[in-house]
N, C-alpha and C. Protein backbone atom coordinates (compact mmCIF):
# COMPACT_ATOMS: atom_id res chain seq x y z
N MET A 1 34.67 25.50 -6.80
CA MET A 1 34.03 25.25 -8.03
C MET A 1 33.26 23.73 -8.46
N THR A 2 32.47 23.50 -8.15
CA THR A 2 31.67 22.18 -9.38
C THR A 2 32.16 21.50 -9.88
N MET A 3 32.26 20.25 -10.02
CA MET A 3 32.19 19.20 -10.92
C MET A 3 31.05 18.99 -11.77
N LYS A 4 30.22 18.99 -12.43
CA LYS A 4 28.93 18.41 -13.10
C LYS A 4 29.68 17.53 -14.39
N VAL A 5 29.47 16.41 -14.33
CA VAL A 5 29.47 15.36 -14.99
C VAL A 5 28.65 14.43 -15.40
N GLU A 6 27.72 14.93 -16.47
CA GLU A 6 26.50 13.89 -17.04
C GLU A 6 27.33 13.04 -17.97
N HIS A 7 26.75 12.01 -17.84
CA HIS A 7 27.26 10.60 -18.36
C HIS A 7 26.24 10.60 -19.71
N GLU A 8 26.39 9.96 -20.75
CA GLU A 8 25.41 9.84 -22.02
C GLU A 8 24.68 9.25 -21.66
N ILE A 9 24.07 8.35 -20.39
CA ILE A 9 22.80 7.84 -20.16
C ILE A 9 22.32 8.83 -20.07
N HIS A 10 22.49 9.32 -19.39
CA HIS A 10 21.67 10.52 -18.27
C HIS A 10 20.68 11.26 -19.14
N THR A 11 21.50 12.24 -20.72
CA THR A 11 20.68 12.64 -21.88
C THR A 11 19.46 11.61 -22.70
N ARG A 12 20.28 10.67 -22.52
CA ARG A 12 19.31 9.67 -23.56
C ARG A 12 18.22 9.41 -22.33
N ARG A 13 17.77 9.22 -21.38
CA ARG A 13 16.95 9.26 -20.18
C ARG A 13 16.18 10.63 -21.07
N LYS A 14 17.16 11.45 -20.34
CA LYS A 14 15.99 12.54 -21.16
C LYS A 14 15.56 12.94 -21.49
N GLY A 15 15.75 12.95 -22.91
CA GLY A 15 15.27 12.50 -23.78
C GLY A 15 14.17 11.61 -23.96
N ARG A 16 14.48 10.80 -23.43
CA ARG A 16 13.31 9.51 -23.13
C ARG A 16 11.89 9.83 -22.58
N ASN A 17 11.90 10.28 -21.15
CA ASN A 17 11.31 11.10 -20.53
C ASN A 17 10.14 12.16 -21.14
N MET A 18 11.17 12.83 -21.28
CA MET A 18 10.66 14.15 -22.39
C MET A 18 9.33 13.45 -23.17
N GLY A 19 9.96 12.65 -24.36
CA GLY A 19 9.26 11.99 -25.25
C GLY A 19 7.96 11.25 -25.11
N VAL A 20 8.39 10.73 -23.31
CA VAL A 20 6.85 10.04 -22.64
C VAL A 20 6.09 10.73 -22.39
N GLY A 21 6.60 12.05 -21.56
CA GLY A 21 5.80 13.16 -21.37
C GLY A 21 4.54 14.31 -21.99
N ILE A 22 5.72 14.41 -23.47
CA ILE A 22 5.06 14.71 -24.24
C ILE A 22 3.39 13.67 -24.71
N LEU A 23 4.14 12.53 -24.95
CA LEU A 23 2.77 11.73 -25.14
C LEU A 23 2.20 11.84 -24.51
N LEU A 24 2.05 11.39 -23.16
CA LEU A 24 0.97 11.59 -22.46
C LEU A 24 0.23 13.11 -21.58
N LEU A 25 1.26 14.31 -22.16
CA LEU A 25 -0.02 15.55 -22.30
C LEU A 25 -0.65 15.45 -23.81
N GLY A 26 -0.16 14.89 -24.99
CA GLY A 26 -1.18 14.96 -25.93
C GLY A 26 -2.21 14.12 -25.70
N LEU A 27 -2.42 12.93 -24.83
CA LEU A 27 -3.76 12.06 -24.44
C LEU A 27 -4.51 12.17 -23.98
N ILE A 28 -4.23 13.33 -22.76
CA ILE A 28 -4.54 14.72 -21.71
C ILE A 28 -5.74 15.33 -22.73
N GLY A 29 -4.30 15.67 -23.26
CA GLY A 29 -5.31 16.46 -24.99
C GLY A 29 -6.21 16.28 -25.43
N ILE A 30 -5.94 14.97 -25.87
CA ILE A 30 -7.22 14.31 -27.07
C ILE A 30 -8.69 14.01 -26.23
N VAL A 31 -8.04 13.42 -24.99
CA VAL A 31 -10.09 13.36 -23.39
C VAL A 31 -10.28 14.11 -23.32
N PHE A 32 -9.59 15.20 -23.38
CA PHE A 32 -10.45 16.77 -22.87
C PHE A 32 -10.77 17.63 -24.03
N GLY A 33 -10.02 17.53 -25.23
CA GLY A 33 -10.98 18.22 -26.25
C GLY A 33 -12.01 17.41 -26.59
N LEU A 34 -11.93 15.61 -26.90
CA LEU A 34 -13.24 14.81 -26.99
C LEU A 34 -14.28 15.11 -26.03
N THR A 35 -14.06 15.67 -24.40
CA THR A 35 -14.94 15.47 -23.09
C THR A 35 -15.71 17.62 -23.54
N VAL A 36 -15.16 18.03 -24.14
CA VAL A 36 -15.91 19.29 -24.26
C VAL A 36 -16.70 19.56 -25.90
N VAL A 37 -15.81 19.16 -27.07
CA VAL A 37 -16.56 18.42 -27.85
C VAL A 37 -18.22 17.43 -27.65
N LYS A 38 -18.00 16.51 -26.54
CA LYS A 38 -19.33 16.42 -26.17
C LYS A 38 -20.45 16.57 -25.37
N VAL A 39 -20.07 17.17 -24.41
CA VAL A 39 -20.38 18.68 -23.77
C VAL A 39 -20.85 19.93 -24.71
N LEU A 40 -20.32 20.26 -25.60
CA LEU A 40 -21.15 21.72 -26.22
C LEU A 40 -21.75 20.92 -27.25
N GLY A 41 -21.97 19.78 -27.72
CA GLY A 41 -22.57 19.11 -28.89
C GLY A 41 -24.18 18.74 -28.21
N LEU A 42 -24.47 18.73 -26.70
CA LEU A 42 -25.69 18.71 -26.16
C LEU A 42 -25.93 19.55 -26.43
N THR A 43 -27.94 19.42 -26.11
CA THR A 43 -28.54 20.47 -26.58
C THR A 43 -29.23 20.54 -24.48
N ASP A 44 -28.94 19.51 -24.55
CA ASP A 44 -29.79 18.92 -22.91
C ASP A 44 -28.53 18.90 -21.86
N ILE A 45 -28.41 19.54 -21.17
CA ILE A 45 -27.75 18.06 -19.76
C ILE A 45 -27.84 17.25 -19.84
N ARG A 46 -29.15 16.83 -19.58
CA ARG A 46 -29.74 15.84 -19.28
C ARG A 46 -29.17 14.60 -20.08
N GLN A 47 -28.98 14.73 -21.24
CA GLN A 47 -28.39 13.40 -22.47
C GLN A 47 -26.83 13.28 -21.48
N LEU A 48 -26.45 13.96 -21.03
CA LEU A 48 -24.94 13.17 -20.53
C LEU A 48 -25.45 12.44 -19.70
N GLU A 49 -26.27 12.41 -18.83
CA GLU A 49 -26.49 11.22 -18.66
C GLU A 49 -27.12 9.97 -18.98
N ARG A 50 -26.98 9.63 -20.40
CA ARG A 50 -27.43 9.11 -21.13
C ARG A 50 -25.97 7.80 -21.39
N PHE A 51 -26.50 6.92 -21.38
CA PHE A 51 -25.10 5.47 -21.78
C PHE A 51 -23.81 5.89 -20.95
N ASP A 52 -24.77 5.47 -19.70
CA ASP A 52 -23.15 5.09 -18.67
C ASP A 52 -23.75 3.97 -17.98
N HIS A 53 -24.63 3.27 -19.08
CA HIS A 53 -24.37 1.09 -19.36
C HIS A 53 -24.64 1.31 -17.69
N VAL A 54 -25.71 2.08 -16.85
CA VAL A 54 -26.59 1.81 -15.96
C VAL A 54 -28.27 2.47 -15.94
N ALA A 55 -28.62 1.69 -15.81
CA ALA A 55 -30.02 1.67 -16.22
C ALA A 55 -30.84 3.48 -15.20
N ARG A 56 -31.32 3.97 -15.46
CA ARG A 56 -31.67 5.50 -14.88
C ARG A 56 -33.43 5.97 -14.95
N PRO A 57 -33.75 4.86 -13.86
CA PRO A 57 -35.55 5.72 -13.49
C PRO A 57 -35.71 6.54 -14.62
N ALA A 58 -34.90 7.34 -14.27
CA ALA A 58 -35.29 9.08 -14.51
C ALA A 58 -35.32 9.21 -14.99
N LEU A 59 -34.46 8.49 -16.85
CA LEU A 59 -34.27 9.24 -17.85
C LEU A 59 -35.75 8.47 -18.65
N GLU A 60 -36.19 7.54 -18.26
CA GLU A 60 -37.04 5.84 -18.88
C GLU A 60 -38.76 6.67 -18.71
N PRO A 61 -39.43 7.70 -19.38
CA PRO A 61 -40.62 7.57 -18.68
C PRO A 61 -41.04 6.44 -18.64
N GLY A 62 -42.39 6.59 -17.53
CA GLY A 62 -43.16 5.04 -17.35
C GLY A 62 -42.34 4.20 -16.32
N ALA A 63 -41.12 4.25 -15.91
CA ALA A 63 -39.90 3.64 -15.21
C ALA A 63 -40.54 3.51 -13.65
N LEU A 64 -40.23 4.54 -13.65
CA LEU A 64 -40.52 5.44 -11.53
C LEU A 64 -41.85 4.43 -10.92
N GLU A 65 -42.75 4.33 -11.93
CA GLU A 65 -44.18 4.05 -11.61
C GLU A 65 -44.63 2.53 -11.71
N ALA A 66 -43.68 2.01 -13.26
CA ALA A 66 -43.72 0.70 -12.65
C ALA A 66 -42.70 0.28 -11.46
N ALA A 67 -41.34 0.72 -11.07
CA ALA A 67 -40.65 0.17 -10.08
C ALA A 67 -41.35 0.68 -8.94
N GLU A 68 -42.54 1.58 -8.80
CA GLU A 68 -42.86 1.32 -7.41
C GLU A 68 -44.14 0.38 -7.53
N ARG A 69 -44.38 0.28 -8.43
CA ARG A 69 -45.92 -0.86 -8.73
C ARG A 69 -45.22 -2.69 -8.03
N ARG A 70 -43.65 -2.55 -8.96
CA ARG A 70 -43.72 -3.72 -8.26
C ARG A 70 -42.88 -4.08 -6.95
N ALA A 71 -42.38 -2.91 -6.54
CA ALA A 71 -42.15 -2.88 -4.74
C ALA A 71 -43.53 -3.24 -4.28
N ALA A 72 -44.76 -2.44 -4.71
CA ALA A 72 -46.27 -2.12 -4.06
C ALA A 72 -46.12 -3.72 -3.87
N ASP A 73 -46.02 -4.07 -5.06
CA ASP A 73 -46.26 -5.88 -5.30
C ASP A 73 -45.17 -6.43 -4.29
N VAL A 74 -43.83 -6.64 -4.42
CA VAL A 74 -43.17 -7.58 -3.18
C VAL A 74 -44.00 -7.03 -1.73
N ALA A 75 -43.89 -5.97 -1.88
CA ALA A 75 -44.04 -5.50 -0.02
C ALA A 75 -45.77 -6.60 0.61
N ALA A 76 -45.92 -6.27 -0.83
CA ALA A 76 -47.70 -6.97 -0.42
C ALA A 76 -47.86 -8.63 -0.54
N GLU A 77 -46.96 -9.11 -1.52
CA GLU A 77 -46.88 -10.45 -1.01
C GLU A 77 -46.22 -11.09 0.27
N ARG A 78 -44.62 -9.72 0.69
CA ARG A 78 -44.19 -10.18 2.00
C ARG A 78 -44.97 -10.08 3.02
N ALA A 79 -46.25 -9.34 3.19
CA ALA A 79 -47.16 -8.85 4.39
C ALA A 79 -48.11 -10.39 4.31
N ALA A 80 -48.77 -10.60 2.94
CA ALA A 80 -49.17 -11.92 2.98
C ALA A 80 -48.69 -13.33 3.19
N ALA A 81 -47.31 -13.56 2.91
CA ALA A 81 -46.74 -14.37 3.78
C ALA A 81 -46.41 -14.48 4.91
N ALA A 82 -46.23 -13.32 5.72
CA ALA A 82 -45.96 -12.46 7.06
C ALA A 82 -47.56 -12.98 7.56
N THR A 83 -48.51 -13.35 7.09
CA THR A 83 -49.93 -13.57 8.06
C THR A 83 -50.18 -14.76 7.76
N GLN A 84 -49.67 -15.01 6.98
CA GLN A 84 -50.17 -16.71 6.50
C GLN A 84 -48.42 -17.19 7.53
N GLU A 85 -48.05 -16.98 7.57
CA GLU A 85 -46.81 -17.19 8.27
C GLU A 85 -46.97 -17.38 9.83
N GLY A 86 -47.96 -16.11 10.66
CA GLY A 86 -47.91 -15.77 11.94
C GLY A 86 -49.35 -16.72 12.15
N ALA A 87 -50.29 -16.93 11.39
CA ALA A 87 -51.70 -18.06 11.37
C ALA A 87 -51.91 -19.32 11.31
N THR A 88 -50.23 -19.71 10.49
CA THR A 88 -49.82 -21.33 11.18
C THR A 88 -49.47 -21.80 12.41
N GLU A 89 -48.12 -20.72 13.16
CA GLU A 89 -48.44 -20.74 14.12
C GLU A 89 -49.14 -21.17 15.03
């Protein structure tokens, strides 16, 4: 026969641990609920990508063309600098 002695501190800690567990489950439930509401409220899935605090050229009209033009300008400037550097040597 085993003796099981449980000190009163164990019961208090068990109660506190249960309280913390319930709070964590509640927080997880709130975050999950907000996510579900956000996703269900979208009319187009591309709206989910907005407000990421990151520039997304695919979402802005004309941004891709502007980026390509800028890249071509930079490449032309580098090529001109390289030919000018080669001509001075």
